[in-house]
Protein backbone atom coordinates (compact mmCIF):
# COMPACT_ATOMS: atom_id res chain seq x y z
CA MET A 1 -5.88 14.47 -8.74
CA SER A 2 -5.22 18.02 -6.65
CA GLU A 3 -7.80 17.78 -4.38
CA GLU A 4 -6.66 17.26 -0.42
CA GLN A 5 -6.11 13.65 0.76
CA ARG A 6 -7.78 12.95 4.19
CA LEU A 7 -6.22 10.55 6.50
CA PHE A 8 -8.14 7.18 7.32
CA VAL A 9 -8.50 5.80 10.75
CA GLY A 10 -10.83 3.50 12.13
CA GLY A 11 -12.80 2.79 8.99
CA ALA A 12 -13.32 7.00 8.13
CA TRP A 13 -11.60 9.41 7.06
CA VAL A 14 -10.27 12.15 8.97
CA GLU A 15 -8.88 15.74 8.41
CA PRO A 16 -5.10 15.66 9.63
CA ASP A 17 -4.46 17.94 12.26
CA GLY A 18 -1.51 19.10 10.52
CA GLY A 19 -3.05 20.19 7.77
CA HIS A 20 -1.87 19.39 4.17
CA TYR A 21 1.98 19.43 2.36
CA GLU A 22 2.16 19.16 -1.70
CA VAL A 23 3.29 15.77 -3.54
CA VAL A 24 5.31 17.00 -6.00
CA ASP A 25 6.13 15.25 -9.64
CA PRO A 26 9.64 14.72 -9.80
CA ALA A 27 9.46 14.80 -13.75
CA THR A 28 7.12 17.91 -13.96
CA GLU A 29 8.20 19.61 -10.65
CA GLU A 30 4.25 20.36 -10.49
CA THR A 31 1.61 19.34 -7.82
CA VAL A 32 0.22 16.21 -7.94
CA GLY A 33 -1.97 16.55 -4.98
CA ARG A 34 -2.05 17.19 -1.10
CA ALA A 35 -1.37 14.67 1.10
CA PRO A 36 -2.54 15.23 5.07
CA GLU A 37 0.24 15.98 7.63
CA ALA A 38 -1.67 14.07 10.59
CA SER A 39 -0.44 15.00 14.66
CA ARG A 40 1.00 12.58 17.26
CA ALA A 41 -2.27 11.93 18.58
CA GLN A 42 -4.22 10.72 15.46
CA VAL A 43 -1.05 8.01 14.65
CA HIS A 44 -1.80 7.17 18.06
CA ALA A 45 -5.72 7.30 17.66
CA ALA A 46 -5.15 5.08 14.48
CA CYS A 47 -2.93 2.49 16.82
CA ALA A 48 -5.83 2.72 19.29
CA ALA A 49 -8.49 1.58 16.19
CA ALA A 50 -5.99 -0.93 14.83
CA ARG A 51 -5.97 -2.70 18.35
CA GLU A 52 -9.76 -2.49 18.94
CA ALA A 53 -10.41 -4.44 15.90
CA LEU A 54 -8.00 -6.70 16.04
CA GLY A 55 -9.71 -9.43 18.10
CA PRO A 56 -13.10 -9.65 15.76
CA TRP A 57 -10.51 -9.40 12.79
CA SER A 58 -8.23 -12.56 14.31
CA ARG A 59 -11.37 -14.48 14.79
CA THR A 60 -12.67 -13.93 11.14
CA PRO A 61 -12.41 -17.46 9.27
CA ALA A 62 -9.41 -17.35 7.30
CA GLN A 63 -11.55 -17.62 4.23
CA GLU A 64 -13.34 -14.50 4.67
CA ARG A 65 -10.55 -12.87 5.18
CA ALA A 66 -8.51 -14.22 1.94
CA ALA A 67 -11.99 -13.24 0.10
CA VAL A 68 -11.84 -9.14 1.23
CA LEU A 69 -8.29 -9.63 -0.46
CA ALA A 70 -9.48 -11.03 -3.45
CA ARG A 71 -11.86 -8.33 -3.93
CA ALA A 72 -9.42 -5.92 -3.02
CA ALA A 73 -7.48 -7.12 -5.78
CA ASP A 74 -10.14 -6.90 -8.72
CA LEU A 75 -10.86 -3.13 -7.17
CA VAL A 76 -7.12 -2.59 -8.33
CA ARG A 77 -7.14 -4.06 -11.04
CA ASP A 78 -10.42 -2.20 -12.56
CA ARG A 79 -8.86 0.70 -11.92
CA ALA A 80 -5.21 -0.07 -13.16
CA ALA A 81 -4.87 2.79 -15.61
CA ASP A 82 -6.07 5.53 -13.55
CA HIS A 83 -3.38 4.33 -10.44
CA THR A 84 -0.59 3.60 -12.61
CA ARG A 85 -1.25 7.60 -13.43
CA LEU A 86 -0.88 8.35 -10.21
CA ALA A 87 1.65 5.81 -9.45
CA ARG A 88 4.03 7.20 -12.10
CA ALA A 89 2.90 11.13 -11.11
CA GLU A 90 4.09 10.55 -7.69
CA THR A 91 7.29 8.46 -8.33
CA GLY A 92 8.62 9.62 -11.32
CA ALA A 93 8.49 5.94 -12.99
CA THR A 94 7.73 5.12 -16.38
CA THR A 95 4.74 4.30 -17.45
CA ALA A 96 5.42 0.63 -18.43
CA THR A 97 7.13 0.46 -14.80
CA ALA A 98 4.01 2.06 -12.98
CA ARG A 99 1.45 -0.44 -14.59
CA ALA A 100 3.25 -3.91 -14.55
CA MET A 101 5.57 -3.06 -11.06
CA GLN A 102 3.85 -1.43 -9.23
CA VAL A 103 -0.03 -1.47 -10.00
CA GLY A 104 0.15 -5.23 -11.32
CA VAL A 105 2.56 -6.01 -8.44
CA ALA A 106 -0.03 -4.81 -5.95
CA VAL A 107 -2.82 -6.87 -7.90
CA ALA A 108 -0.40 -9.79 -7.66
CA ARG A 109 0.56 -9.51 -3.49
CA LEU A 110 -3.34 -8.85 -2.70
CA ARG A 111 -4.65 -11.90 -4.98
CA ARG A 112 -1.43 -14.28 -3.35
CA TYR A 113 -2.47 -13.97 0.02
CA ALA A 114 -5.91 -14.67 -0.49
CA ARG A 115 -5.30 -18.04 -0.96
CA VAL A 116 -5.25 -19.98 2.21
CA GLU A 117 -2.96 -21.71 3.53
CA PRO A 118 -2.37 -24.33 6.21
CA ALA A 119 -1.61 -22.45 9.66
CA GLU A 120 -1.16 -25.78 11.89
CA TRP A 121 0.57 -28.64 12.30
CA ALA A 122 0.57 -31.92 13.81
CA ILE A 123 4.07 -32.68 15.59
CA PRO A 124 5.06 -36.42 16.03
CA PRO A 125 3.88 -37.89 18.80
CA GLN A 126 6.77 -37.99 21.86
CA VAL A 127 7.20 -40.79 24.65
CA ASN A 128 8.11 -39.30 28.13
CA GLU A 129 9.26 -41.48 30.83
CA ALA A 130 8.00 -41.54 34.36
CA GLY A 131 9.73 -38.65 36.21
CA PRO A 132 9.27 -35.92 37.82
CA MET A 133 6.88 -33.98 35.42
CA GLY A 134 4.06 -36.80 36.27
CA ARG A 135 3.66 -40.58 35.49
CA ALA A 136 4.89 -41.92 31.82
CA ALA A 137 2.52 -40.52 28.73
CA VAL A 138 2.53 -40.58 25.76
CA LEU A 139 2.22 -36.57 24.23
CA GLY A 140 0.89 -35.17 21.12
CA ALA A 141 1.19 -31.77 19.87
CA LEU A 142 -0.09 -29.10 17.80
CA ALA A 143 2.08 -26.03 16.08
CA ILE A 144 -0.54 -23.29 15.10
CA ARG A 145 0.20 -19.54 13.69
CA GLN A 146 -1.48 -16.83 15.59
CA PRO A 147 -1.13 -13.12 14.04
CA VAL A 148 1.39 -11.01 16.15
CA GLY A 149 -1.31 -8.24 16.71
CA VAL A 150 -0.99 -4.67 15.53
CA VAL A 151 1.68 -4.20 12.88
CA THR A 152 2.97 -0.80 11.40
CA CYS A 153 4.02 -0.68 8.41
CA VAL A 154 6.39 2.03 7.11
CA THR A 155 6.57 1.65 3.57
CA SER A 156 9.20 3.28 0.74
CA TYR A 157 8.75 5.94 -1.62
CA ASN A 158 10.64 3.51 -4.64
CA ASN A 159 7.41 1.53 -5.17
CA PRO A 160 4.43 2.61 -3.04
CA TRP A 161 1.74 -0.01 -4.37
CA ALA A 162 3.87 -3.62 -4.27
CA ASN A 163 5.54 -2.18 -1.33
CA ALA A 164 2.59 -1.48 0.73
CA ALA A 165 0.33 -4.69 -0.76
CA GLY A 166 3.75 -6.84 0.21
CA LYS A 167 3.06 -6.10 3.64
CA VAL A 168 -0.45 -5.19 4.30
CA ALA A 169 -1.96 -8.43 2.22
CA PRO A 170 0.24 -11.10 4.29
CA ALA A 171 -0.41 -9.46 7.76
CA LEU A 172 -4.25 -9.25 7.04
CA ALA A 173 -4.34 -12.64 5.43
CA MET A 174 -2.76 -13.79 9.28
CA GLY A 175 -5.73 -12.35 10.88
CA ASN A 176 -3.41 -8.80 11.81
CA THR A 177 -4.42 -5.28 11.65
CA VAL A 178 -2.23 -2.40 10.21
CA VAL A 179 -0.84 1.25 10.60
CA VAL A 180 0.48 2.30 6.77
CA LYS A 181 2.81 4.86 7.43
CA PRO A 182 3.60 5.88 3.76
CA ALA A 183 6.78 7.70 3.00
CA PRO A 184 6.22 11.41 2.62
CA GLN A 185 7.00 11.58 -1.10
CA ASP A 186 4.40 9.63 -2.53
CA PRO A 187 1.87 9.15 0.24
CA LEU A 188 -1.61 9.05 -2.52
CA SER A 189 -1.09 5.59 -4.01
CA VAL A 190 -1.45 4.06 -0.41
CA TYR A 191 -4.68 5.91 0.49
CA ARG A 192 -6.01 4.82 -3.23
CA MET A 193 -5.47 1.42 -1.76
CA ALA A 194 -7.01 2.30 1.64
CA GLU A 195 -10.09 3.03 -0.83
CA ALA A 196 -10.03 -0.47 -2.45
CA LEU A 197 -9.78 -2.39 0.91
CA GLN A 198 -12.61 -0.39 2.45
CA ALA A 199 -14.91 -0.98 -0.51
CA ALA A 200 -13.88 -4.83 -0.76
CA GLY A 201 -14.89 -5.08 2.81
CA VAL A 202 -12.62 -4.46 5.41
CA PRO A 203 -13.86 -3.68 8.44
CA PRO A 204 -13.63 -0.75 10.40
CA GLY A 205 -9.79 -0.15 12.00
CA VAL A 206 -8.48 -3.46 10.40
CA VAL A 207 -7.07 -1.13 7.73
CA ASN A 208 -5.37 2.40 8.76
CA VAL A 209 -3.48 5.13 7.08
CA VAL A 210 -1.80 7.80 8.62
CA SER A 211 0.98 10.17 6.32
CA GLY A 212 3.06 12.76 7.18
CA ARG A 213 6.68 14.47 6.63
CA ALA A 214 7.60 15.05 9.78
CA VAL A 215 9.66 12.34 11.69
CA ALA A 216 7.46 12.29 15.04
CA VAL A 217 4.82 10.60 12.40
CA GLY A 218 6.96 8.03 11.61
CA GLU A 219 7.89 7.75 15.54
CA ALA A 220 4.20 7.29 16.28
CA ALA A 221 3.45 5.26 14.63
CA VAL A 222 6.60 2.98 15.82
CA ASP A 223 6.25 3.58 20.09
CA SER A 224 2.59 3.38 20.08
CA PRO A 225 2.09 0.86 22.95
CA ASP A 226 -0.79 -0.78 20.60
CA VAL A 227 1.52 -1.60 18.49
CA ASP A 228 2.80 -4.97 18.22
CA MET A 229 5.00 -5.43 15.13
CA VAL A 230 7.19 -3.12 12.67
CA SER A 231 7.38 -3.79 9.29
CA PHE A 232 9.92 -1.25 7.62
CA THR A 233 11.72 -0.50 3.94
CA GLY A 234 14.25 1.97 3.71
CA SER A 235 17.29 3.03 4.99
CA THR A 236 19.55 1.32 7.94
CA ALA A 237 19.76 4.44 9.24
CA VAL A 238 16.42 4.58 9.99
CA GLY A 239 16.02 0.75 10.82
CA ARG A 240 18.63 0.95 13.23
CA ARG A 241 16.31 3.74 15.26
CA ILE A 242 13.12 1.97 14.58
CA ALA A 243 15.08 -1.46 16.30
CA GLU A 244 15.94 0.98 19.29
CA VAL A 245 12.85 1.30 19.73
CA CYS A 246 11.46 -2.10 18.99
CA GLY A 247 13.74 -3.18 21.21
CA ARG A 248 12.49 -1.43 24.41
CA GLY A 249 9.08 -2.79 23.40
CA MET A 250 10.12 -6.27 22.41
CA LYS A 251 8.17 -5.58 19.20
CA ARG A 252 8.49 -7.84 16.61
CA GLN A 253 10.51 -6.44 13.81
CA LEU A 254 10.50 -6.75 10.09
CA MET A 255 13.48 -5.04 8.64
CA GLU A 256 14.42 -4.44 4.56
CA LEU A 257 16.66 -2.00 4.51
CA GLY A 258 19.88 -0.76 2.27
CA GLY A 259 21.73 -2.58 -0.22
CA LYS A 260 24.86 -2.46 -2.16
CA GLY A 261 24.37 -5.50 -4.94
CA ALA A 262 27.92 -7.22 -6.17
CA ALA A 263 27.71 -8.60 -9.49
CA LEU A 264 30.63 -11.00 -9.86
CA VAL A 265 30.91 -11.44 -13.85
CA PHE A 266 33.61 -14.50 -14.42
CA ASP A 267 35.68 -14.44 -17.73
CA ASP A 268 33.26 -16.80 -19.32
CA ALA A 269 30.08 -15.09 -18.68
CA ASP A 270 27.33 -14.38 -21.76
CA LEU A 271 28.28 -10.50 -21.45
CA GLY A 272 25.07 -9.64 -22.80
CA ALA A 273 23.10 -10.87 -20.95
CA ALA A 274 25.51 -9.36 -17.81
CA VAL A 275 25.04 -6.25 -19.84
CA THR A 276 21.60 -5.87 -19.95
CA GLY A 277 21.18 -7.46 -16.13
CA ILE A 278 23.63 -5.05 -14.63
CA GLY A 279 22.00 -2.25 -16.76
CA THR A 280 18.75 -2.47 -14.93
CA THR A 281 20.09 -0.10 -12.18
CA PHE A 282 20.27 2.83 -14.50
CA SER A 283 17.06 2.28 -15.83
CA PHE A 284 14.99 0.06 -13.12
CA TYR A 285 13.40 2.71 -11.18
CA SER A 286 16.10 4.74 -11.86
CA GLY A 287 18.46 3.41 -9.61
CA GLN A 288 16.49 3.56 -6.86
CA ILE A 289 16.06 0.08 -5.50
CA CYS A 290 17.82 -1.93 -3.03
CA THR A 291 18.36 -5.27 -4.85
CA ALA A 292 20.00 -3.34 -7.72
CA PRO A 293 23.37 -4.86 -9.20
CA THR A 294 25.36 -1.18 -8.52
CA ARG A 295 28.90 -2.55 -7.52
CA VAL A 296 30.04 -4.84 -10.64
CA LEU A 297 33.46 -6.92 -9.69
CA ALA A 298 34.80 -7.58 -13.33
CA GLN A 299 37.09 -10.41 -13.80
CA ARG A 300 40.63 -9.41 -15.82
CA GLY A 301 39.56 -11.04 -18.72
CA VAL A 302 36.87 -9.38 -19.56
CA TYR A 303 37.14 -6.11 -17.54
CA GLU A 304 37.59 -3.58 -20.16
CA ARG A 305 35.13 -5.45 -22.70
CA LEU A 306 32.74 -5.09 -19.95
CA VAL A 307 33.29 -1.66 -19.14
CA GLU A 308 32.49 -0.92 -22.57
CA GLN A 309 29.73 -2.63 -23.52
CA LEU A 310 28.20 -0.67 -20.28
CA ALA A 311 28.85 2.70 -21.03
CA SER A 312 28.04 1.65 -24.38
CA TYR A 313 24.85 0.33 -22.82
CA ALA A 314 24.02 3.58 -20.70
CA GLY A 315 24.30 5.86 -23.79
CA ARG A 316 21.57 4.34 -25.47
CA LEU A 317 19.27 4.80 -22.78
CA THR A 318 16.56 7.28 -23.72
CA VAL A 319 16.41 9.87 -20.03
CA GLY A 320 12.79 12.04 -19.96
CA ASP A 321 9.54 12.17 -19.75
CA PRO A 322 8.03 8.84 -17.93
CA GLY A 323 4.86 9.34 -19.70
CA ASP A 324 5.91 8.80 -23.12
CA PRO A 325 6.69 5.44 -24.56
CA GLY A 326 10.26 5.58 -25.28
CA THR A 327 11.32 6.83 -22.31
CA VAL A 328 13.78 4.33 -20.18
CA VAL A 329 14.98 6.18 -17.30
CA GLY A 330 12.64 8.90 -15.47
CA PRO A 331 14.04 11.34 -12.31
CA VAL A 332 15.04 10.46 -9.56
CA ILE A 333 12.44 11.58 -6.50
CA SER A 334 13.21 14.91 -5.97
CA ALA A 335 15.78 17.57 -5.96
CA ALA A 336 17.40 16.72 -2.82
CA HIS A 337 18.35 13.28 -3.64
CA ARG A 338 19.12 14.05 -6.66
CA ASP A 339 21.72 16.67 -5.11
CA ARG A 340 22.89 13.79 -3.54
CA VAL A 341 23.42 11.42 -6.26
CA GLU A 342 25.33 13.56 -8.09
CA ALA A 343 27.18 14.57 -4.96
CA TYR A 344 28.61 10.28 -5.17
CA VAL A 345 29.11 11.20 -8.47
CA ALA A 346 31.87 14.37 -7.82
CA LEU A 347 33.32 11.98 -5.19
CA GLY A 348 33.72 9.62 -6.74
CA ARG A 349 36.31 11.53 -9.59
CA LYS A 350 37.52 13.00 -6.50
CA GLU A 351 38.58 9.30 -5.37
CA GLY A 352 39.97 8.36 -8.92
CA ALA A 353 37.47 6.83 -10.93
CA VAL A 354 36.88 7.31 -14.19
CA VAL A 355 33.45 8.33 -15.40
CA VAL A 356 33.12 6.65 -19.22
CA ALA A 357 29.36 7.04 -19.29
CA GLY A 358 26.87 9.85 -17.75
CA GLY A 359 28.59 11.90 -14.93
CA GLY A 360 26.41 15.05 -15.84
CA ARG A 361 22.89 16.27 -15.26
CA PRO A 362 20.73 15.98 -18.29
CA ALA A 363 19.68 18.93 -20.54
CA SER A 364 15.85 19.37 -19.09
CA GLU A 365 14.59 22.49 -17.90
CA ARG A 366 12.24 20.98 -15.38
CA GLY A 367 12.50 17.27 -13.23
CA PHE A 368 14.92 15.86 -10.97
CA TYR A 369 16.93 13.74 -13.81
CA VAL A 370 20.52 12.16 -13.30
CA ALA A 371 22.12 10.67 -16.27
CA PRO A 372 22.71 6.92 -16.82
CA THR A 373 26.66 7.12 -14.89
CA LEU A 374 28.95 4.28 -15.08
CA LEU A 375 32.70 5.13 -13.14
CA ALA A 376 35.46 2.18 -14.00
CA ASP A 377 38.49 2.05 -12.74
CA CYS A 378 37.41 1.86 -8.62
CA ALA A 379 38.98 0.52 -6.20
CA HIS A 380 37.35 -1.26 -3.31
CA ASP A 381 38.45 0.98 -0.56
CA MET A 382 36.42 3.89 -2.46
CA ARG A 383 33.36 5.19 -0.64
CA VAL A 384 31.33 4.98 -4.29
CA VAL A 385 32.01 1.40 -4.09
CA ARG A 386 30.92 0.58 -0.56
CA GLU A 387 28.29 3.02 0.50
CA GLU A 388 24.92 3.01 -1.11
CA ILE A 389 23.89 5.69 -3.56
CA PHE A 390 20.48 4.71 -4.81
CA GLY A 391 20.27 5.95 -8.47
CA PRO A 392 21.51 5.12 -11.78
CA VAL A 393 25.18 4.76 -10.89
CA VAL A 394 27.33 1.26 -11.55
CA VAL A 395 30.88 1.34 -10.24
CA VAL A 396 33.02 -1.61 -11.52
CA VAL A 397 36.30 -3.24 -10.13
CA PRO A 398 38.25 -5.67 -11.28
CA PHE A 399 39.80 -8.92 -9.87
CA ASP A 400 41.76 -11.58 -10.49
CA ASP A 401 40.12 -15.50 -9.42
CA GLU A 402 37.18 -16.58 -8.00
CA ASP A 403 38.63 -16.14 -3.88
CA GLU A 404 39.18 -13.04 -4.01
CA GLY A 405 35.54 -12.25 -6.39
CA VAL A 406 34.22 -13.67 -3.55
CA ALA A 407 36.61 -11.79 -0.85
CA LEU A 408 35.16 -8.65 -2.50
CA ALA A 409 32.17 -9.24 -2.79
CA ASN A 410 31.57 -10.41 1.12
CA ASP A 411 33.58 -7.34 2.20
CA SER A 412 30.76 -5.12 2.31
CA ASP A 413 28.26 -3.85 4.79
CA TYR A 414 25.48 -4.79 3.19
CA GLY A 415 23.77 -8.12 2.20
CA LEU A 416 20.73 -8.04 0.34
CA ILE A 417 21.33 -9.52 -3.03
CA ASP A 418 23.86 -10.21 -4.93
CA TYR A 419 24.80 -11.64 -8.68
CA VAL A 420 26.75 -14.22 -10.69
CA TRP A 421 27.33 -14.20 -14.11
CA SER A 422 28.69 -17.40 -15.44
CA ALA A 423 28.39 -20.01 -18.02
CA ASP A 424 30.00 -22.42 -15.75
CA VAL A 425 26.95 -23.45 -13.99
CA ALA A 426 28.67 -25.32 -11.46
CA ARG A 427 30.98 -22.52 -10.38
CA ALA A 428 28.12 -19.55 -10.54
CA PHE A 429 26.36 -22.52 -7.64
CA ARG A 430 29.29 -23.30 -6.00
CA VAL A 431 30.41 -18.96 -6.10
CA ALA A 432 26.30 -18.30 -4.71
CA ARG A 433 26.52 -21.29 -1.65
CA ARG A 434 30.15 -18.40 -0.57
CA LEU A 435 28.47 -15.17 -0.87
CA ARG A 436 26.73 -13.31 2.13
CA ALA A 437 23.53 -12.22 0.83
CA GLY A 438 20.05 -13.03 1.23
CA GLY A 439 19.36 -13.67 -1.96
CA VAL A 440 21.73 -14.63 -5.03
CA GLY A 441 20.93 -13.86 -8.62
CA VAL A 442 22.65 -16.77 -10.66
CA ASN A 443 23.21 -15.48 -14.37
CA THR A 444 19.76 -13.21 -13.83
CA VAL A 445 18.33 -10.60 -11.95
CA GLY A 446 14.82 -11.83 -11.92
CA ARG A 447 12.87 -12.37 -8.80
CA ASN A 448 10.82 -15.57 -8.08
CA MET A 449 8.14 -13.92 -5.65
CA GLU A 450 8.07 -17.18 -3.52
CA ALA A 451 11.44 -17.11 -2.51
CA PRO A 452 12.05 -16.15 1.04
CA PHE A 453 13.30 -12.30 0.41
CA GLY A 454 15.84 -10.35 2.89
CA GLY A 455 19.29 -9.39 3.63
CA PHE A 456 22.29 -10.34 5.91
CA ARG A 457 23.91 -7.75 7.92
CA LEU A 458 23.10 -4.12 7.70
CA SER A 459 20.12 -5.33 4.76
CA GLY A 460 18.14 -6.08 7.22
CA VAL A 461 16.13 -8.90 9.91
CA GLY A 462 13.55 -11.38 8.66
CA ARG A 463 12.14 -12.39 5.70
CA ASP A 464 8.72 -11.86 3.17
CA CYS A 465 7.73 -13.56 0.35
CA GLY A 466 5.70 -16.58 -0.44
CA SER A 467 4.49 -18.76 2.78
CA TYR A 468 7.58 -16.79 4.02
CA ALA A 469 5.69 -13.62 4.58
CA LEU A 470 2.57 -15.82 6.50
CA HIS A 471 5.24 -16.73 8.79
CA ALA A 472 7.04 -13.66 8.95
CA TYR A 473 3.34 -11.70 10.49
CA SER A 474 2.93 -14.57 12.88
CA GLU A 475 3.42 -15.98 16.40
CA VAL A 476 3.90 -20.40 16.58
CA GLN A 477 2.19 -21.50 19.27
CA SER A 478 2.51 -25.11 20.24
CA VAL A 479 -0.58 -27.07 21.94
CA VAL A 480 0.24 -30.43 24.17
CA TRP A 481 -1.83 -32.86 24.83
CA PRO A 482 -1.67 -36.37 26.38
CA GLY A 483 -2.17 -39.20 23.40
């Protein structure tokens, strides 16, 4: 893992103009490998290569494009053990998470978009009366999904395999070409995906990967005149800057941004299920996931019991080496991010929240660890309640009745995924329909990967997953003719 990685541009492995930088294992603080630092010119060269490859690839039959994705899925699966070790080292995820939710999900997404779906639909004929536009006629129509063009995919650090595959696979399936700009903290896994796609037969220029720590690398991948669309997963602040550039060039956007998921727990809820679901914030990627139920709204009749059980749950979780099979909570991505999470916990104390679990740094000689932390007796106007922390921190706010719970849930700048726990299914679905969020989990934190995924408000623009991703990476063209 210590060799120097090269850029992937136009089907060739290219030495970076900016040299290399160290990728650090969050658990050990040791060097995982050396990632390439692209220059602005190299990023624009990658975009130009994608533009040159667009015509031939978009005209390649969908079945052939799908076959490339299927072969890539098999190649990634065949090296799953190696890829899992790298993903664990780069991200700090536990072995089980790296295997199933990173590499495993990437394989599933590549294979999902190796399934050819219809890209043309007949529109019912329309009878037009004679008039200024011509004689009376019956007009037929066809709606056709066409590729958007060159797509820049800017991926997140929390899941380099699944996030990249979730963008690249549907984009390629629709006939687009891509330039992938991975997160600087863990880009090496994305280069392994590029190797698999190259070995699977993707033509030169169809897939390009350029990395770097400098802001200029991402800016070049967005502002290139060869780019038609930007697909971004990351913070709302960065998303806003990307959207400004896209707006000037009228580029298509797909934005999956921040979240502060509300979890409404009603008095009749199955507390065991609610605690297990909410507890995934502590364990799953150490809370570094935008879909986490970090903002718990508990009805007063169950509030004290829920706080007590969540605190007990958090206290039982094993924090430590993500390579140890018994570890549940690994490190966060970097020292800087650990400092940020700890600063929020300190802010919560200052605002009046009560720390009932965690709140400190686990005893460890090395690694960027944060203890699973529960903040109770929170008020809804506290910053720890309103702002995304992106770490293993859960806040709990009480509410009295259904209307107040819904109002508190909707009083947020975000709206990605909310959750409802109640034994009254009719009420749960009634509440779900009132929530201003792109998704709602009813008595579960699970996801249906064919369901549309995306957010309201500052949580993003657009939807992907399943067939919705094919829509996201396509333009719809209509063709009309006289019947």
